[in-house]
Amino acid sequence: MLLVSFANLPASLFRVSSVLNRDSKQFGKKHLFDGHEETCWNSDQGAIQWVLLEFPQMVKISEVRLQFQGGFASTDCRLEGCGKNEDVFTTLATFYPEDKNSLQISFYFFHFPIHGDPLAHKLKIVFENSTDFFGRIIVYKLDVLGEKL
């Protein structure tokens, strides 16, 4: 199986739930995939935050890599997927990152149960909670690996 990184998606193919103070220049979604260690996506406050990726073709998701800022992490996350012309997402896996600064890798086929088909044209990473009192999430790095179908 040849794993492909989807970190080089054009900004038009992904969305985020919110941006801190609507300051997209400093904290916007583009910083999730820019490869710079000093930039980040910083959500605004709120109970549930998310990142939505839309792939150019159907993919089989194998791995998610996340790097939070400690103190602004989510310890209860959900991976959801759906087809190209669908709006109803199905839960593919749940995972429980630690509240720390280092890169965390989730191998779905080995550690987390997949509910339904792990194929998706759209992928949503849902951050159910935050270790920050106000519900902010800060992500320095996000990468999704999988197979193009």
N, C-alpha and C. Protein backbone atom coordinates (compact mmCIF):
# COMPACT_ATOMS: atom_id res chain seq x y z
N MET A 1 0.85 -1.18 0.00
CA MET A 1 0.00 0.00 0.00
C MET A 1 0.89 1.24 0.00
N LEU A 2 0.71 2.12 -0.94
CA LEU A 2 1.45 3.36 -1.05
C LEU A 2 0.66 4.47 -0.36
N LEU A 3 1.19 4.98 0.76
CA LEU A 3 0.53 6.06 1.47
C LEU A 3 0.91 7.40 0.85
N VAL A 4 -0.07 8.26 0.70
CA VAL A 4 0.12 9.59 0.13
C VAL A 4 -0.27 10.61 1.18
N SER A 5 0.53 11.66 1.32
CA SER A 5 0.18 12.75 2.22
C SER A 5 -0.75 13.71 1.49
N PHE A 6 -1.79 14.12 2.18
CA PHE A 6 -2.73 15.08 1.60
C PHE A 6 -2.52 16.47 2.18
N ALA A 7 -1.33 16.72 2.72
CA ALA A 7 -1.03 18.01 3.34
C ALA A 7 -0.88 19.14 2.34
N ASN A 8 -0.77 18.83 1.06
CA ASN A 8 -0.58 19.89 0.07
C ASN A 8 -1.88 20.27 -0.64
N LEU A 9 -3.00 20.07 0.02
CA LEU A 9 -4.28 20.45 -0.56
C LEU A 9 -4.37 21.97 -0.73
N PRO A 10 -4.94 22.43 -1.83
CA PRO A 10 -5.19 23.87 -1.97
C PRO A 10 -6.15 24.34 -0.88
N ALA A 11 -5.98 25.55 -0.41
CA ALA A 11 -6.81 26.09 0.67
C ALA A 11 -8.30 26.06 0.34
N SER A 12 -8.63 26.06 -0.94
CA SER A 12 -10.05 26.03 -1.33
C SER A 12 -10.70 24.68 -1.04
N LEU A 13 -9.88 23.65 -0.76
CA LEU A 13 -10.44 22.32 -0.52
C LEU A 13 -10.55 21.96 0.96
N PHE A 14 -10.33 22.91 1.85
CA PHE A 14 -10.57 22.63 3.26
C PHE A 14 -11.11 23.87 3.97
N ARG A 15 -11.83 23.58 5.06
CA ARG A 15 -12.45 24.63 5.86
C ARG A 15 -12.22 24.33 7.34
N VAL A 16 -12.39 25.33 8.17
CA VAL A 16 -12.30 25.17 9.61
C VAL A 16 -13.54 25.78 10.25
N SER A 17 -13.82 25.35 11.46
CA SER A 17 -15.03 25.82 12.15
C SER A 17 -14.96 27.30 12.51
N SER A 18 -13.78 27.79 12.88
CA SER A 18 -13.63 29.18 13.29
C SER A 18 -12.16 29.56 13.29
N VAL A 19 -11.89 30.85 13.37
CA VAL A 19 -10.53 31.38 13.47
C VAL A 19 -10.54 32.44 14.56
N LEU A 20 -9.54 32.40 15.44
CA LEU A 20 -9.47 33.33 16.56
C LEU A 20 -9.58 34.78 16.09
N ASN A 21 -10.55 35.48 16.62
CA ASN A 21 -10.80 36.89 16.29
C ASN A 21 -10.93 37.15 14.79
N ARG A 22 -11.27 36.11 14.02
CA ARG A 22 -11.40 36.19 12.56
C ARG A 22 -10.12 36.70 11.90
N ASP A 23 -8.99 36.47 12.55
CA ASP A 23 -7.70 36.91 12.06
C ASP A 23 -7.07 35.80 11.22
N SER A 24 -7.56 35.64 10.00
CA SER A 24 -7.10 34.56 9.12
C SER A 24 -5.64 34.73 8.70
N LYS A 25 -5.18 35.96 8.64
CA LYS A 25 -3.79 36.20 8.24
C LYS A 25 -2.83 35.58 9.27
N GLN A 26 -3.12 35.76 10.54
CA GLN A 26 -2.23 35.27 11.59
C GLN A 26 -2.57 33.85 12.05
N PHE A 27 -3.86 33.47 12.08
CA PHE A 27 -4.27 32.20 12.68
C PHE A 27 -5.12 31.33 11.75
N GLY A 28 -5.15 31.62 10.47
CA GLY A 28 -6.06 30.96 9.54
C GLY A 28 -5.72 29.52 9.19
N LYS A 29 -6.63 28.91 8.47
CA LYS A 29 -6.55 27.50 8.09
C LYS A 29 -5.31 27.17 7.27
N LYS A 30 -4.81 28.12 6.50
CA LYS A 30 -3.64 27.86 5.65
C LYS A 30 -2.43 27.42 6.46
N HIS A 31 -2.39 27.78 7.74
CA HIS A 31 -1.25 27.44 8.60
C HIS A 31 -1.26 25.98 9.04
N LEU A 32 -2.37 25.28 8.84
CA LEU A 32 -2.41 23.85 9.17
C LEU A 32 -1.43 23.05 8.32
N PHE A 33 -1.28 23.44 7.07
CA PHE A 33 -0.51 22.66 6.11
C PHE A 33 0.69 23.40 5.52
N ASP A 34 1.09 24.52 6.11
CA ASP A 34 2.16 25.30 5.48
C ASP A 34 3.57 24.79 5.79
N GLY A 35 3.71 23.87 6.72
CA GLY A 35 5.01 23.28 7.03
C GLY A 35 5.92 24.15 7.89
N HIS A 36 5.44 25.29 8.33
CA HIS A 36 6.25 26.16 9.18
C HIS A 36 5.96 25.85 10.65
N GLU A 37 7.01 25.65 11.43
CA GLU A 37 6.85 25.29 12.83
C GLU A 37 6.30 26.42 13.69
N GLU A 38 6.43 27.66 13.25
CA GLU A 38 6.02 28.80 14.07
C GLU A 38 4.59 29.29 13.77
N THR A 39 3.93 28.73 12.75
CA THR A 39 2.57 29.15 12.43
C THR A 39 1.57 28.08 12.85
N CYS A 40 0.32 28.51 13.06
CA CYS A 40 -0.70 27.57 13.53
C CYS A 40 -2.09 28.05 13.15
N TRP A 41 -3.03 27.09 13.17
CA TRP A 41 -4.46 27.43 13.13
C TRP A 41 -4.89 27.54 14.57
N ASN A 42 -5.56 28.64 14.89
CA ASN A 42 -6.06 28.87 16.23
C ASN A 42 -7.55 29.12 16.10
N SER A 43 -8.35 28.22 16.67
CA SER A 43 -9.80 28.39 16.60
C SER A 43 -10.24 29.48 17.56
N ASP A 44 -11.42 29.97 17.34
CA ASP A 44 -12.04 30.85 18.31
C ASP A 44 -12.59 29.98 19.42
N GLN A 45 -13.15 30.57 20.44
CA GLN A 45 -13.70 29.77 21.52
C GLN A 45 -15.02 29.12 21.11
N GLY A 46 -15.32 27.99 21.72
CA GLY A 46 -16.55 27.29 21.41
C GLY A 46 -16.45 25.83 21.79
N ALA A 47 -17.60 25.20 21.93
CA ALA A 47 -17.66 23.83 22.44
C ALA A 47 -17.04 22.81 21.49
N ILE A 48 -17.37 22.86 20.21
CA ILE A 48 -16.87 21.88 19.25
C ILE A 48 -16.22 22.62 18.09
N GLN A 49 -14.99 22.22 17.75
CA GLN A 49 -14.27 22.78 16.61
C GLN A 49 -14.02 21.66 15.61
N TRP A 50 -13.74 22.01 14.35
CA TRP A 50 -13.51 20.98 13.35
C TRP A 50 -12.69 21.51 12.17
N VAL A 51 -12.13 20.55 11.44
CA VAL A 51 -11.43 20.79 10.18
C VAL A 51 -12.07 19.88 9.15
N LEU A 52 -12.47 20.43 8.01
CA LEU A 52 -13.11 19.67 6.94
C LEU A 52 -12.21 19.69 5.71
N LEU A 53 -11.88 18.49 5.21
CA LEU A 53 -11.05 18.35 4.01
C LEU A 53 -11.89 17.73 2.91
N GLU A 54 -11.76 18.27 1.71
CA GLU A 54 -12.45 17.70 0.55
C GLU A 54 -11.38 17.29 -0.46
N PHE A 55 -11.28 16.00 -0.72
CA PHE A 55 -10.26 15.47 -1.61
C PHE A 55 -10.74 15.50 -3.05
N PRO A 56 -9.82 15.64 -4.00
CA PRO A 56 -10.20 15.64 -5.42
C PRO A 56 -10.76 14.30 -5.88
N GLN A 57 -10.43 13.22 -5.18
CA GLN A 57 -10.93 11.88 -5.52
C GLN A 57 -11.19 11.13 -4.21
N MET A 58 -11.79 9.96 -4.32
CA MET A 58 -12.05 9.13 -3.15
C MET A 58 -10.72 8.64 -2.59
N VAL A 59 -10.59 8.62 -1.26
CA VAL A 59 -9.36 8.16 -0.61
C VAL A 59 -9.70 7.17 0.50
N LYS A 60 -8.74 6.33 0.81
CA LYS A 60 -8.83 5.40 1.92
C LYS A 60 -7.90 5.93 3.00
N ILE A 61 -8.46 6.40 4.10
CA ILE A 61 -7.69 7.05 5.16
C ILE A 61 -6.97 6.00 6.01
N SER A 62 -5.68 6.22 6.24
CA SER A 62 -4.89 5.29 7.04
C SER A 62 -4.33 5.93 8.30
N GLU A 63 -4.05 7.22 8.25
CA GLU A 63 -3.32 7.83 9.35
C GLU A 63 -3.62 9.32 9.43
N VAL A 64 -3.68 9.83 10.66
CA VAL A 64 -3.81 11.27 10.89
C VAL A 64 -2.69 11.68 11.83
N ARG A 65 -2.01 12.77 11.50
CA ARG A 65 -0.94 13.30 12.33
C ARG A 65 -1.33 14.70 12.77
N LEU A 66 -1.26 14.94 14.07
CA LEU A 66 -1.65 16.22 14.66
C LEU A 66 -0.58 16.71 15.62
N GLN A 67 -0.37 18.01 15.61
CA GLN A 67 0.48 18.61 16.62
C GLN A 67 -0.25 19.81 17.21
N PHE A 68 -0.69 19.67 18.44
CA PHE A 68 -1.38 20.73 19.17
C PHE A 68 -0.37 21.60 19.91
N GLN A 69 -0.85 22.73 20.41
CA GLN A 69 -0.12 23.45 21.44
C GLN A 69 -0.65 22.92 22.75
N GLY A 70 0.24 22.50 23.63
CA GLY A 70 -0.18 22.02 24.95
C GLY A 70 -1.04 23.06 25.65
N GLY A 71 -2.12 22.60 26.27
CA GLY A 71 -3.05 23.52 26.92
C GLY A 71 -4.18 23.96 26.01
N PHE A 72 -4.06 23.68 24.71
CA PHE A 72 -5.07 24.05 23.72
C PHE A 72 -5.34 22.85 22.80
N ALA A 73 -5.40 21.68 23.39
CA ALA A 73 -5.57 20.43 22.64
C ALA A 73 -6.98 19.90 22.84
N SER A 74 -7.33 18.92 22.03
CA SER A 74 -8.56 18.17 22.21
C SER A 74 -8.18 16.75 22.58
N THR A 75 -8.76 16.25 23.65
CA THR A 75 -8.46 14.89 24.09
C THR A 75 -9.56 13.91 23.71
N ASP A 76 -10.54 14.37 22.96
CA ASP A 76 -11.65 13.53 22.50
C ASP A 76 -11.99 13.97 21.08
N CYS A 77 -11.55 13.18 20.10
CA CYS A 77 -11.71 13.55 18.69
C CYS A 77 -12.45 12.47 17.93
N ARG A 78 -13.01 12.89 16.82
CA ARG A 78 -13.77 11.97 15.97
C ARG A 78 -13.37 12.23 14.52
N LEU A 79 -13.21 11.15 13.77
CA LEU A 79 -12.93 11.22 12.35
C LEU A 79 -14.20 10.80 11.62
N GLU A 80 -14.72 11.68 10.74
CA GLU A 80 -15.94 11.40 10.00
C GLU A 80 -15.67 11.49 8.51
N GLY A 81 -16.42 10.73 7.73
CA GLY A 81 -16.25 10.77 6.29
C GLY A 81 -17.57 10.66 5.56
N CYS A 82 -17.57 11.09 4.30
CA CYS A 82 -18.75 10.94 3.43
C CYS A 82 -18.30 10.99 1.97
N GLY A 83 -19.22 10.65 1.09
CA GLY A 83 -18.96 10.65 -0.34
C GLY A 83 -18.99 12.04 -0.94
N LYS A 84 -18.74 12.12 -2.23
CA LYS A 84 -18.60 13.40 -2.94
C LYS A 84 -19.85 14.27 -2.88
N ASN A 85 -20.98 13.73 -3.20
CA ASN A 85 -22.21 14.53 -3.26
C ASN A 85 -23.09 14.32 -2.04
N GLU A 86 -22.48 13.94 -0.94
CA GLU A 86 -23.23 13.68 0.29
C GLU A 86 -22.94 14.77 1.31
N ASP A 87 -23.88 14.96 2.21
CA ASP A 87 -23.69 15.90 3.31
C ASP A 87 -23.83 15.23 4.67
N VAL A 88 -24.13 13.94 4.67
CA VAL A 88 -24.28 13.20 5.92
C VAL A 88 -22.98 12.45 6.19
N PHE A 89 -22.32 12.80 7.28
CA PHE A 89 -21.04 12.19 7.64
C PHE A 89 -21.27 10.98 8.54
N THR A 90 -20.42 9.97 8.34
CA THR A 90 -20.43 8.76 9.15
C THR A 90 -19.15 8.73 9.98
N THR A 91 -19.25 8.32 11.23
CA THR A 91 -18.07 8.22 12.08
C THR A 91 -17.20 7.06 11.62
N LEU A 92 -15.94 7.36 11.31
CA LEU A 92 -14.98 6.34 10.90
C LEU A 92 -14.18 5.84 12.09
N ALA A 93 -13.85 6.74 13.02
CA ALA A 93 -13.06 6.36 14.19
C ALA A 93 -13.14 7.46 15.23
N THR A 94 -12.87 7.09 16.45
CA THR A 94 -12.68 8.05 17.53
C THR A 94 -11.25 7.87 18.01
N PHE A 95 -10.63 8.95 18.45
CA PHE A 95 -9.27 8.86 18.97
C PHE A 95 -9.09 9.89 20.07
N TYR A 96 -8.09 9.66 20.91
CA TYR A 96 -7.92 10.41 22.14
C TYR A 96 -6.48 10.92 22.26
N PRO A 97 -6.18 12.04 21.60
CA PRO A 97 -4.83 12.60 21.68
C PRO A 97 -4.51 13.06 23.10
N GLU A 98 -3.22 13.21 23.34
CA GLU A 98 -2.77 13.73 24.63
C GLU A 98 -2.63 15.25 24.55
N ASP A 99 -2.70 15.88 25.71
CA ASP A 99 -2.52 17.33 25.80
C ASP A 99 -1.03 17.62 25.89
N LYS A 100 -0.38 17.61 24.72
CA LYS A 100 1.07 17.87 24.67
C LYS A 100 1.44 18.51 23.35
N ASN A 101 2.67 19.00 23.28
CA ASN A 101 3.13 19.75 22.11
C ASN A 101 3.67 18.89 20.99
N SER A 102 4.02 17.65 21.25
CA SER A 102 4.69 16.84 20.23
C SER A 102 3.71 16.27 19.20
N LEU A 103 4.26 15.88 18.06
CA LEU A 103 3.48 15.29 16.98
C LEU A 103 2.87 13.98 17.45
N GLN A 104 1.58 13.80 17.20
CA GLN A 104 0.87 12.59 17.58
C GLN A 104 0.33 11.93 16.32
N ILE A 105 0.50 10.62 16.24
CA ILE A 105 0.10 9.88 15.06
C ILE A 105 -0.94 8.85 15.43
N SER A 106 -2.03 8.81 14.67
CA SER A 106 -3.09 7.83 14.88
C SER A 106 -3.14 6.91 13.68
N PHE A 107 -2.88 5.63 13.90
CA PHE A 107 -2.97 4.62 12.85
C PHE A 107 -4.32 3.96 12.98
N TYR A 108 -5.24 4.28 12.13
CA TYR A 108 -6.62 3.81 12.31
C TYR A 108 -6.80 2.32 12.14
N PHE A 109 -6.05 1.71 11.26
CA PHE A 109 -6.27 0.30 11.03
C PHE A 109 -5.69 -0.56 12.14
N PHE A 110 -4.83 0.01 12.98
CA PHE A 110 -4.19 -0.78 14.01
C PHE A 110 -4.70 -0.47 15.42
N HIS A 111 -5.10 0.76 15.68
CA HIS A 111 -5.43 1.15 17.04
C HIS A 111 -6.89 1.55 17.28
N PHE A 112 -7.58 1.96 16.25
CA PHE A 112 -8.93 2.48 16.46
C PHE A 112 -9.91 1.74 15.57
N PRO A 113 -11.08 1.45 16.09
CA PRO A 113 -12.06 0.75 15.26
C PRO A 113 -12.64 1.66 14.18
N ILE A 114 -12.83 1.12 13.01
CA ILE A 114 -13.44 1.86 11.91
C ILE A 114 -14.89 1.40 11.82
N HIS A 115 -15.80 2.35 11.83
CA HIS A 115 -17.22 2.05 11.70
C HIS A 115 -17.62 2.32 10.26
N GLY A 116 -18.05 1.31 9.55
CA GLY A 116 -18.44 1.50 8.16
C GLY A 116 -17.22 1.46 7.26
N ASP A 117 -17.34 2.06 6.11
CA ASP A 117 -16.29 2.04 5.10
C ASP A 117 -15.29 3.17 5.33
N PRO A 118 -13.97 2.88 5.40
CA PRO A 118 -12.98 3.94 5.64
C PRO A 118 -12.68 4.78 4.39
N LEU A 119 -13.52 4.70 3.39
CA LEU A 119 -13.34 5.49 2.19
C LEU A 119 -14.08 6.82 2.34
N ALA A 120 -13.48 7.88 1.83
CA ALA A 120 -14.13 9.19 1.96
C ALA A 120 -13.70 10.12 0.83
N HIS A 121 -14.61 10.95 0.42
CA HIS A 121 -14.30 12.04 -0.48
C HIS A 121 -14.15 13.33 0.33
N LYS A 122 -14.89 13.36 1.45
CA LYS A 122 -14.80 14.46 2.41
C LYS A 122 -14.45 13.86 3.76
N LEU A 123 -13.54 14.49 4.47
CA LEU A 123 -13.10 14.02 5.77
C LEU A 123 -13.22 15.16 6.77
N LYS A 124 -13.83 14.88 7.89
CA LYS A 124 -14.00 15.89 8.94
C LYS A 124 -13.34 15.39 10.22
N ILE A 125 -12.44 16.20 10.75
CA ILE A 125 -11.83 15.91 12.04
C ILE A 125 -12.52 16.81 13.05
N VAL A 126 -13.23 16.18 13.97
CA VAL A 126 -14.03 16.91 14.96
C VAL A 126 -13.32 16.90 16.30
N PHE A 127 -13.09 18.07 16.85
CA PHE A 127 -12.49 18.21 18.16
C PHE A 127 -13.64 18.44 19.16
N GLU A 128 -14.00 17.39 19.85
CA GLU A 128 -15.18 17.40 20.73
C GLU A 128 -15.01 18.29 21.95
N ASN A 129 -13.78 18.43 22.42
CA ASN A 129 -13.54 19.23 23.62
C ASN A 129 -12.21 19.94 23.47
N SER A 130 -11.87 20.74 24.46
CA SER A 130 -10.58 21.41 24.48
C SER A 130 -10.07 21.45 25.91
N THR A 131 -8.76 21.34 26.07
CA THR A 131 -8.18 21.47 27.40
C THR A 131 -8.12 22.93 27.83
N ASP A 132 -8.38 23.85 26.92
CA ASP A 132 -8.46 25.28 27.22
C ASP A 132 -9.83 25.58 27.81
N PHE A 133 -9.87 26.37 28.84
CA PHE A 133 -11.12 26.70 29.52
C PHE A 133 -12.17 27.31 28.58
N PHE A 134 -11.73 28.05 27.56
CA PHE A 134 -12.65 28.72 26.65
C PHE A 134 -12.98 27.89 25.41
N GLY A 135 -12.38 26.73 25.27
CA GLY A 135 -12.69 25.86 24.15
C GLY A 135 -11.89 26.11 22.89
N ARG A 136 -10.77 26.81 23.01
CA ARG A 136 -9.93 27.07 21.84
C ARG A 136 -9.03 25.88 21.55
N ILE A 137 -8.80 25.66 20.25
CA ILE A 137 -7.91 24.60 19.78
C ILE A 137 -6.79 25.27 18.99
N ILE A 138 -5.54 24.85 19.22
CA ILE A 138 -4.42 25.36 18.45
C ILE A 138 -3.69 24.16 17.85
N VAL A 139 -3.61 24.15 16.50
CA VAL A 139 -2.95 23.06 15.78
C VAL A 139 -1.82 23.64 14.95
N TYR A 140 -0.59 23.15 15.20
CA TYR A 140 0.58 23.58 14.45
C TYR A 140 0.80 22.75 13.20
N LYS A 141 0.39 21.50 13.26
CA LYS A 141 0.60 20.63 12.10
C LYS A 141 -0.54 19.64 12.00
N LEU A 142 -1.02 19.45 10.77
CA LEU A 142 -2.03 18.44 10.48
C LEU A 142 -1.63 17.77 9.17
N ASP A 143 -1.67 16.46 9.18
CA ASP A 143 -1.40 15.72 7.96
C ASP A 143 -2.30 14.49 7.94
N VAL A 144 -2.82 14.17 6.79
CA VAL A 144 -3.66 12.99 6.60
C VAL A 144 -2.97 12.14 5.56
N LEU A 145 -2.78 10.87 5.87
CA LEU A 145 -2.17 9.94 4.94
C LEU A 145 -3.17 8.87 4.54
N GLY A 146 -3.10 8.46 3.31
CA GLY A 146 -4.00 7.44 2.83
C GLY A 146 -3.67 7.03 1.41
N GLU A 147 -4.59 6.33 0.83
CA GLU A 147 -4.45 5.81 -0.53
C GLU A 147 -5.42 6.51 -1.45
N LYS A 148 -4.94 6.97 -2.60
CA LYS A 148 -5.85 7.49 -3.62
C LYS A 148 -6.50 6.31 -4.31
N LEU A 149 -7.80 6.40 -4.56
CA LEU A 149 -8.50 5.31 -5.23
C LEU A 149 -8.89 5.73 -6.63
